Protein backbone atom coordinates (compact mmCIF):
# COMPACT_ATOMS: atom_id res chain seq x y z
CA MET A 1 3.93 34.50 6.30
CA CYS A 2 5.28 31.17 4.02
CA TRP A 3 3.20 28.67 4.62
CA SER A 4 5.32 26.01 2.52
CA TRP A 5 6.86 25.26 5.98
CA PHE A 6 4.13 23.68 6.80
CA GLU A 7 3.15 21.82 3.85
CA LYS A 8 3.62 17.80 3.61
CA PRO A 9 6.44 16.40 1.65
CA ILE A 10 5.11 15.56 -2.01
CA LEU A 11 6.09 11.56 -2.83
CA LYS A 12 4.04 12.00 -6.09
CA THR A 13 1.40 13.42 -8.46
CA GLU A 14 -0.94 11.94 -11.17
CA ILE A 15 -3.05 13.79 -13.53
CA ILE A 16 -6.46 12.65 -12.70
CA GLU A 17 -8.50 15.44 -15.36
CA GLU A 18 -7.31 18.15 -17.74
CA THR A 19 -10.16 20.51 -18.93
CA GLU A 20 -9.81 23.03 -21.97
CA GLY A 21 -10.09 26.45 -21.41
CA LEU A 22 -8.67 29.93 -22.24
CA ASP A 23 -4.41 29.88 -22.73
CA GLU A 24 -2.10 32.49 -21.64
CA ASP A 25 -2.27 34.54 -25.00
CA GLU A 26 -5.98 34.59 -24.82
CA LYS A 27 -6.04 35.62 -21.15
CA LEU A 28 -3.38 38.76 -21.76
CA THR A 29 -5.74 39.49 -24.71
CA ASN A 30 -8.89 39.87 -22.70
CA LEU A 31 -7.31 41.41 -19.84
CA ALA A 32 -5.80 44.15 -22.71
CA VAL A 33 -9.59 44.66 -24.33
CA GLY A 34 -11.00 45.01 -20.74
CA ASP A 35 -8.38 47.69 -19.89
CA MET A 36 -9.03 49.52 -23.43
CA MET A 37 -12.89 49.32 -22.84
CA GLY A 38 -13.55 49.77 -19.54
CA GLY A 39 -10.43 50.70 -17.63
CA PHE A 40 -9.55 49.42 -14.22
CA GLU A 41 -13.34 47.70 -13.81
CA GLY A 42 -12.85 46.34 -17.66
CA MET A 43 -9.63 44.64 -16.39
CA VAL A 44 -11.79 42.98 -13.10
CA TYR A 45 -14.03 41.71 -15.04
CA ALA A 46 -11.73 40.27 -17.71
CA ASP A 47 -9.66 39.08 -14.70
CA MET A 48 -12.95 37.11 -13.62
CA TYR A 49 -13.90 35.86 -16.80
CA ASN A 50 -9.87 34.43 -17.01
CA SER A 51 -10.14 32.64 -13.84
CA ASP A 52 -13.73 31.02 -14.82
CA TYR A 53 -12.85 29.98 -18.19
CA SER A 54 -9.06 28.90 -17.91
CA ALA A 55 -7.68 25.54 -18.47
CA THR A 56 -7.26 23.73 -15.33
CA THR A 57 -5.75 20.18 -14.46
CA THR A 58 -6.97 18.08 -11.30
CA PHE A 59 -3.75 16.37 -9.30
CA LEU A 60 -4.07 13.60 -7.70
CA ILE A 61 -1.28 14.17 -4.80
CA THR A 62 0.10 11.42 -2.65
CA TYR A 63 2.08 12.83 0.35
CA LYS A 64 5.24 10.74 1.67
CA ASP A 65 3.25 10.11 4.76
CA GLY A 66 0.61 7.93 2.34
CA SER A 67 -1.80 10.62 2.73
CA THR A 68 -3.47 11.82 -0.34
CA ALA A 69 -5.31 15.03 -1.67
CA VAL A 70 -6.96 16.10 -5.05
CA LYS A 71 -6.79 19.61 -5.71
CA GLU A 72 -7.51 21.37 -9.18
CA VAL A 73 -5.32 23.84 -10.30
CA GLU A 74 -5.18 26.43 -12.95
CA LYS A 75 -2.75 25.60 -15.70
CA GLY A 76 0.42 27.47 -15.76
CA THR A 77 0.26 28.65 -12.36
CA SER A 78 2.99 28.19 -9.68
CA LEU A 79 0.79 25.52 -7.96
CA TYR A 80 0.38 23.86 -11.57
CA ARG A 81 4.18 23.93 -11.98
CA LYS A 82 5.01 22.63 -8.91
CA TYR A 83 2.37 19.59 -8.86
CA ILE A 84 3.59 19.10 -12.44
CA ARG A 85 7.48 18.32 -11.49
CA TYR A 86 6.02 15.48 -9.04
CA CYS A 87 3.85 13.65 -11.93
CA LYS A 88 5.67 10.23 -12.61
């Protein structure tokens, strides 16, 4: 089911904080090494490591109804690309 139909319309977003972490190339390298060294289990551990040490951005989201929310997302994800479009 697509939950985007039920999301509040976004007015704008602001970046509150950015943390350093793994970039996309490093994540892919980790997955490849995990696959070579441990097969499927190695890839699972590499993915868990990537999630724990990924670069993140924290957004303050202001909705059209005036309410706000703070959300932290990994850089490069679809949510990140969605929120960065509303950044002013």
